């Protein structure tokens, strides 16, 4: 069994605004005793975002993910199945933004809902040092194009991600960073580019069962002539007991490719 940092669920965004995938963990305090092998965690939550993405109309997105994670030894596996509701113009797609940047004026909006893109991921711990409270993970992810392209719920294409997550705890504060690369599938008539992304932030333990923090996410534009993404997110995590955990957060978009604002909540149960 490997040593594992005591963690709080959070969202270093894998690709875009409104992406509540529950993909990463942020340490709440230093490295405790060895984590038990064969640990399951189930999670559910919701996120609402709104923004114009550089167009003349707002796009409002409700994202409801349900996830199951299995951890054993140095490895962690997760599957996320989301439901999605999108109200907005057809040229704005969740996780990408405005896929036709030449069109800034929109003539109408529609509201659609259904299954979102299912995400499968696997992570491996490559470095864990209890003496200096440092952790390093490598993660690979596939976002399957299960969201209906015709309903404007996604691109209908598979996306692939690789990323490295690093954590360093000093006293009651854990500093963290994610550096990743996204390989995006292009829907008909659109040429999406592969893009790097970065998240940096910190989580501070305000009391034994609670932490609070903030993180900055940034990503290059995925389409030529389009807008990049940059978001600032603040979060609070509360451990209700040794099994249950809840997190609430709010985000502010700092670039045209991001939503203007958003908020969400996550509940998880570990057994």
Protein backbone atom coordinates (compact mmCIF):
# COMPACT_ATOMS: atom_id res chain seq x y z
CA UNK A 1 0.00 0.00 0.00
CA UNK A 2 1.26 3.48 -0.78
CA UNK A 3 1.26 6.53 1.40
CA UNK A 4 -1.41 8.95 0.36
CA UNK A 5 -2.04 12.57 1.23
CA UNK A 6 -5.23 13.30 3.09
CA UNK A 7 -7.41 14.76 0.38
CA UNK A 8 -10.31 17.03 -0.43
CA UNK A 9 -12.18 16.71 -3.72
CA UNK A 10 -11.70 19.67 -6.02
CA UNK A 11 -11.73 20.61 -9.66
CA UNK A 12 -8.46 21.57 -11.38
CA UNK A 13 -10.26 21.88 -14.70
CA UNK A 14 -9.31 19.33 -17.30
CA UNK A 15 -10.38 21.31 -20.28
CA UNK A 16 -12.89 24.07 -19.89
CA UNK A 17 -15.39 26.08 -18.03
CA UNK A 18 -18.32 24.20 -16.54
CA UNK A 19 -16.27 21.02 -16.32
CA UNK A 20 -17.15 19.56 -12.94
CA UNK A 21 -15.48 16.18 -13.49
CA UNK A 22 -14.24 15.54 -9.95
CA UNK A 23 -10.95 14.48 -11.49
CA UNK A 24 -8.33 15.59 -8.99
CA UNK A 25 -7.68 15.61 -5.26
CA UNK A 26 -6.16 18.33 -3.15
CA UNK A 27 -4.53 17.46 0.18
CA UNK A 28 -6.22 18.81 3.30
CA UNK A 29 -3.24 18.13 5.56
CA UNK A 30 0.03 16.24 5.31
CA UNK A 31 0.66 12.55 4.60
CA UNK A 32 -1.05 10.37 7.25
CA UNK A 33 -0.99 6.60 7.68
CA UNK A 34 -1.10 4.33 4.66
CA UNK A 35 -4.38 4.42 2.74
CA UNK A 36 -6.26 1.14 2.55
CA UNK A 37 -6.24 -0.72 -0.75
CA UNK A 38 -9.51 -1.39 -2.52
CA UNK A 39 -11.14 1.92 -1.52
CA UNK A 40 -14.27 3.09 -3.35
CA UNK A 41 -15.58 6.66 -3.52
CA UNK A 42 -18.89 7.65 -5.10
CA UNK A 43 -19.68 11.28 -5.87
CA UNK A 44 -22.50 13.43 -7.15
CA UNK A 45 -22.84 17.13 -7.71
CA UNK A 46 -23.97 19.99 -9.88
CA UNK A 47 -22.53 23.06 -11.53
CA UNK A 48 -24.22 26.04 -13.17
CA UNK A 49 -22.35 28.49 -15.39
CA UNK A 50 -23.37 31.41 -17.56
CA UNK A 51 -21.47 33.51 -20.09
CA UNK A 52 -21.58 35.02 -23.57
CA UNK A 53 -18.27 33.48 -24.74
CA UNK A 54 -17.62 36.53 -26.89
CA UNK A 55 -21.02 36.33 -28.65
CA UNK A 56 -24.13 38.51 -28.42
CA UNK A 57 -26.11 35.87 -26.45
CA UNK A 58 -25.54 34.13 -23.13
CA UNK A 59 -25.10 30.37 -22.80
CA UNK A 60 -26.34 28.81 -19.56
CA UNK A 61 -25.10 25.32 -18.70
CA UNK A 62 -26.22 22.95 -15.95
CA UNK A 63 -23.82 20.03 -15.48
CA UNK A 64 -24.75 17.10 -13.19
CA UNK A 65 -21.97 14.48 -12.88
CA UNK A 66 -22.10 11.14 -11.09
CA UNK A 67 -18.77 9.43 -10.49
CA UNK A 68 -17.28 6.24 -9.05
CA UNK A 69 -13.61 5.96 -8.13
CA UNK A 70 -11.55 2.92 -7.13
CA UNK A 71 -8.14 3.26 -5.49
CA UNK A 72 -5.62 0.48 -4.92
CA UNK A 73 -1.91 0.79 -4.21
CA UNK A 74 -0.38 3.46 -6.45
CA UNK A 75 -3.34 3.48 -8.82
CA UNK A 76 -6.65 5.32 -9.01
CA UNK A 77 -9.42 4.79 -11.57
CA UNK A 78 -12.53 6.89 -12.10
CA UNK A 79 -15.59 6.89 -14.32
CA UNK A 80 -17.82 9.97 -14.58
CA UNK A 81 -21.28 9.90 -16.17
CA UNK A 82 -22.90 13.37 -16.46
CA UNK A 83 -26.27 14.79 -17.37
CA UNK A 84 -26.29 18.12 -19.18
CA UNK A 85 -28.66 20.97 -19.93
CA UNK A 86 -27.56 23.73 -22.33
CA UNK A 87 -29.46 26.90 -23.15
CA UNK A 88 -27.79 29.05 -25.78
CA UNK A 89 -26.73 29.52 -29.41
CA UNK A 90 -25.60 26.57 -31.50
CA UNK A 91 -22.06 27.89 -32.05
CA UNK A 92 -21.14 27.63 -28.35
CA UNK A 93 -20.15 24.17 -27.09
CA UNK A 94 -19.34 23.22 -23.52
CA UNK A 95 -15.64 22.56 -22.87
CA UNK A 96 -14.68 24.43 -26.05
CA UNK A 97 -16.54 27.76 -26.17
CA UNK A 98 -17.37 29.49 -29.44
CA UNK A 99 -16.39 26.96 -32.13
CA UNK A 100 -17.05 29.51 -34.90
CA UNK A 101 -15.24 32.67 -33.74
CA UNK A 102 -16.16 34.52 -36.95
CA UNK A 103 -19.76 34.44 -35.70
CA UNK A 104 -20.08 36.87 -32.80
CA UNK A 105 -23.74 37.79 -33.39
CA UNK A 106 -26.29 35.05 -32.74
CA UNK A 107 -29.82 34.98 -34.16
CA UNK A 108 -31.45 32.67 -31.63
CA UNK A 109 -31.04 30.17 -28.82
CA UNK A 110 -32.29 26.70 -28.01
CA UNK A 111 -32.55 24.59 -24.86
CA UNK A 112 -31.51 20.94 -24.89
CA UNK A 113 -30.70 18.31 -22.30
CA UNK A 114 -29.41 14.75 -22.18
CA UNK A 115 -26.38 12.62 -21.52
CA UNK A 116 -23.07 14.49 -21.44
CA UNK A 117 -19.61 13.21 -22.35
CA UNK A 118 -18.62 10.17 -20.26
CA UNK A 119 -15.08 10.44 -18.86
CA UNK A 120 -12.78 7.54 -17.94
CA UNK A 121 -9.42 8.17 -16.28
CA UNK A 122 -6.55 6.37 -14.65
CA UNK A 123 -3.91 7.88 -12.37
CA UNK A 124 -0.63 6.54 -11.05
CA UNK A 125 1.31 7.93 -8.12
CA UNK A 126 4.93 8.27 -9.23
CA UNK A 127 6.31 10.02 -6.13
CA UNK A 128 5.14 10.28 -2.51
CA UNK A 129 7.41 11.55 0.25
CA UNK A 130 5.99 11.78 3.76
CA UNK A 131 9.10 13.52 5.10
CA UNK A 132 8.58 16.62 2.98
CA UNK A 133 4.84 16.24 2.24
CA UNK A 134 5.20 16.02 -1.53
CA UNK A 135 3.08 14.06 -3.98
CA UNK A 136 3.25 13.64 -7.77
CA UNK A 137 0.66 11.85 -9.93
CA UNK A 138 0.42 11.15 -13.67
CA UNK A 139 -3.05 10.87 -15.22
CA UNK A 140 -4.50 9.82 -18.56
CA UNK A 141 -8.12 10.52 -19.50
CA UNK A 142 -10.57 9.85 -22.30
CA UNK A 143 -13.65 12.00 -22.74
CA UNK A 144 -15.95 9.95 -24.92
CA UNK A 145 -18.12 11.86 -27.38
CA UNK A 146 -21.39 10.58 -25.93
CA UNK A 147 -23.06 14.01 -25.77
CA UNK A 148 -25.45 14.60 -28.68
CA UNK A 149 -23.82 16.90 -31.26
CA UNK A 150 -27.18 17.64 -32.88
CA UNK A 151 -28.53 18.93 -29.56
CA UNK A 152 -25.46 21.15 -29.05
CA UNK A 153 -24.45 19.13 -25.96
CA UNK A 154 -20.94 18.38 -27.22
CA UNK A 155 -18.76 17.91 -30.28
CA UNK A 156 -19.63 14.22 -30.66
CA UNK A 157 -15.92 13.40 -30.81
CA UNK A 158 -13.54 11.74 -28.36
CA UNK A 159 -10.94 13.87 -26.54
CA UNK A 160 -7.75 12.60 -24.92
CA UNK A 161 -5.79 14.12 -22.04
CA UNK A 162 -2.48 13.57 -20.28
CA UNK A 163 -1.49 15.54 -17.19
CA UNK A 164 0.85 15.71 -14.22
CA UNK A 165 -0.47 16.77 -10.80
CA UNK A 166 1.91 17.95 -8.08
CA UNK A 167 1.17 18.76 -4.41
CA UNK A 168 3.37 20.25 -1.70
CA UNK A 169 2.16 20.78 1.89
CA UNK A 170 3.81 23.40 4.10
CA UNK A 171 2.33 23.71 7.60
CA UNK A 172 -1.45 24.02 7.05
CA UNK A 173 -1.30 25.00 3.38
CA UNK A 174 -1.02 22.73 0.36
CA UNK A 175 0.19 24.22 -2.91
CA UNK A 176 -0.78 22.37 -6.07
CA UNK A 177 -0.38 22.54 -9.83
CA UNK A 178 -1.64 20.61 -12.84
CA UNK A 179 0.10 20.71 -16.22
CA UNK A 180 -1.73 18.94 -19.01
CA UNK A 181 -2.17 18.53 -22.73
CA UNK A 182 -5.51 18.00 -24.48
CA UNK A 183 -5.90 16.27 -27.86
CA UNK A 184 -9.31 17.32 -29.14
CA UNK A 185 -11.44 15.56 -31.71
CA UNK A 186 -12.84 17.85 -34.40
CA UNK A 187 -16.53 17.74 -35.38
CA UNK A 188 -17.50 18.15 -39.05
CA UNK A 189 -16.63 21.60 -40.37
CA UNK A 190 -14.51 22.59 -37.35
CA UNK A 191 -10.77 22.19 -36.85
CA UNK A 192 -10.00 22.02 -33.14
CA UNK A 193 -6.37 22.32 -32.07
CA UNK A 194 -4.53 20.32 -29.43
CA UNK A 195 -3.90 22.62 -26.47
CA UNK A 196 -1.92 22.72 -23.21
CA UNK A 197 -3.61 23.72 -19.95
CA UNK A 198 -2.43 24.72 -16.50
CA UNK A 199 -3.94 24.98 -13.02
CA UNK A 200 -2.19 26.48 -9.99
CA UNK A 201 -3.58 27.09 -6.53
CA UNK A 202 -3.51 26.52 -2.80
CA UNK A 203 -5.71 24.91 -0.13
CA UNK A 204 -5.48 26.01 3.52
CA UNK A 205 -6.72 23.94 6.47
CA UNK A 206 -8.79 26.35 8.55
CA UNK A 207 -9.72 23.65 11.09
CA UNK A 208 -9.28 19.85 11.28
CA UNK A 209 -12.40 19.08 9.25
CA UNK A 210 -12.40 22.05 6.85
CA UNK A 211 -10.21 23.62 4.18
CA UNK A 212 -10.58 26.62 1.89
CA UNK A 213 -8.62 27.65 -1.14
CA UNK A 214 -8.43 29.12 -4.61
CA UNK A 215 -7.05 28.13 -7.99
CA UNK A 216 -6.41 29.69 -11.39
CA UNK A 217 -7.05 27.71 -14.59
CA UNK A 218 -5.77 28.77 -18.01
CA UNK A 219 -5.88 27.20 -21.48
CA UNK A 220 -5.01 28.28 -25.01
CA UNK A 221 -7.71 28.81 -27.63
CA UNK A 222 -8.84 25.52 -29.18
CA UNK A 223 -9.85 27.05 -32.52
CA UNK A 224 -7.97 29.50 -34.76
CA UNK A 225 -9.12 33.05 -34.13
CA UNK A 226 -10.96 31.97 -31.00
CA UNK A 227 -10.60 32.90 -27.37
CA UNK A 228 -8.55 31.19 -24.69
CA UNK A 229 -9.89 30.34 -21.25
CA UNK A 230 -8.95 31.63 -17.82
CA UNK A 231 -10.92 31.13 -14.62
CA UNK A 232 -10.45 31.89 -10.94
CA UNK A 233 -12.19 29.47 -8.57
CA UNK A 234 -12.63 29.67 -4.81
CA UNK A 235 -13.71 26.58 -2.83
CA UNK A 236 -14.52 25.33 0.66
CA UNK A 237 -14.36 21.63 1.61
CA UNK A 238 -15.92 20.14 4.75
CA UNK A 239 -15.43 16.58 6.02
CA UNK A 240 -18.72 15.61 7.67
CA UNK A 241 -17.22 12.38 9.04
CA UNK A 242 -14.65 9.81 7.97
CA UNK A 243 -16.84 8.76 5.03
CA UNK A 244 -18.73 11.84 3.87
CA UNK A 245 -17.39 15.04 2.36
CA UNK A 246 -18.97 18.10 0.74
CA UNK A 247 -17.45 20.91 -1.30
CA UNK A 248 -18.91 24.16 -2.57
CA UNK A 249 -17.22 26.55 -4.97
CA UNK A 250 -17.69 29.61 -7.16
CA UNK A 251 -15.82 30.65 -10.29
CA UNK A 252 -15.19 33.90 -12.14
CA UNK A 253 -14.28 33.97 -15.82
CA UNK A 254 -11.28 36.15 -16.72
CA UNK A 255 -11.25 35.56 -20.49
CA UNK A 256 -13.82 35.61 -23.30
CA UNK A 257 -13.55 31.85 -23.81
CA UNK A 258 -14.72 31.18 -20.24
CA UNK A 259 -18.13 31.63 -18.64
CA UNK A 260 -18.67 34.94 -16.88
CA UNK A 261 -19.51 33.23 -13.59
CA UNK A 262 -20.51 29.90 -12.11
CA UNK A 263 -21.04 27.92 -8.91
CA UNK A 264 -21.24 24.29 -7.90
CA UNK A 265 -21.34 21.71 -5.14
CA UNK A 266 -19.99 18.15 -4.75
CA UNK A 267 -20.93 15.44 -2.27
CA UNK A 268 -18.82 12.28 -1.94
CA UNK A 269 -18.95 9.12 0.13
CA UNK A 270 -15.87 6.96 0.68
CA UNK A 271 -16.01 3.34 1.86
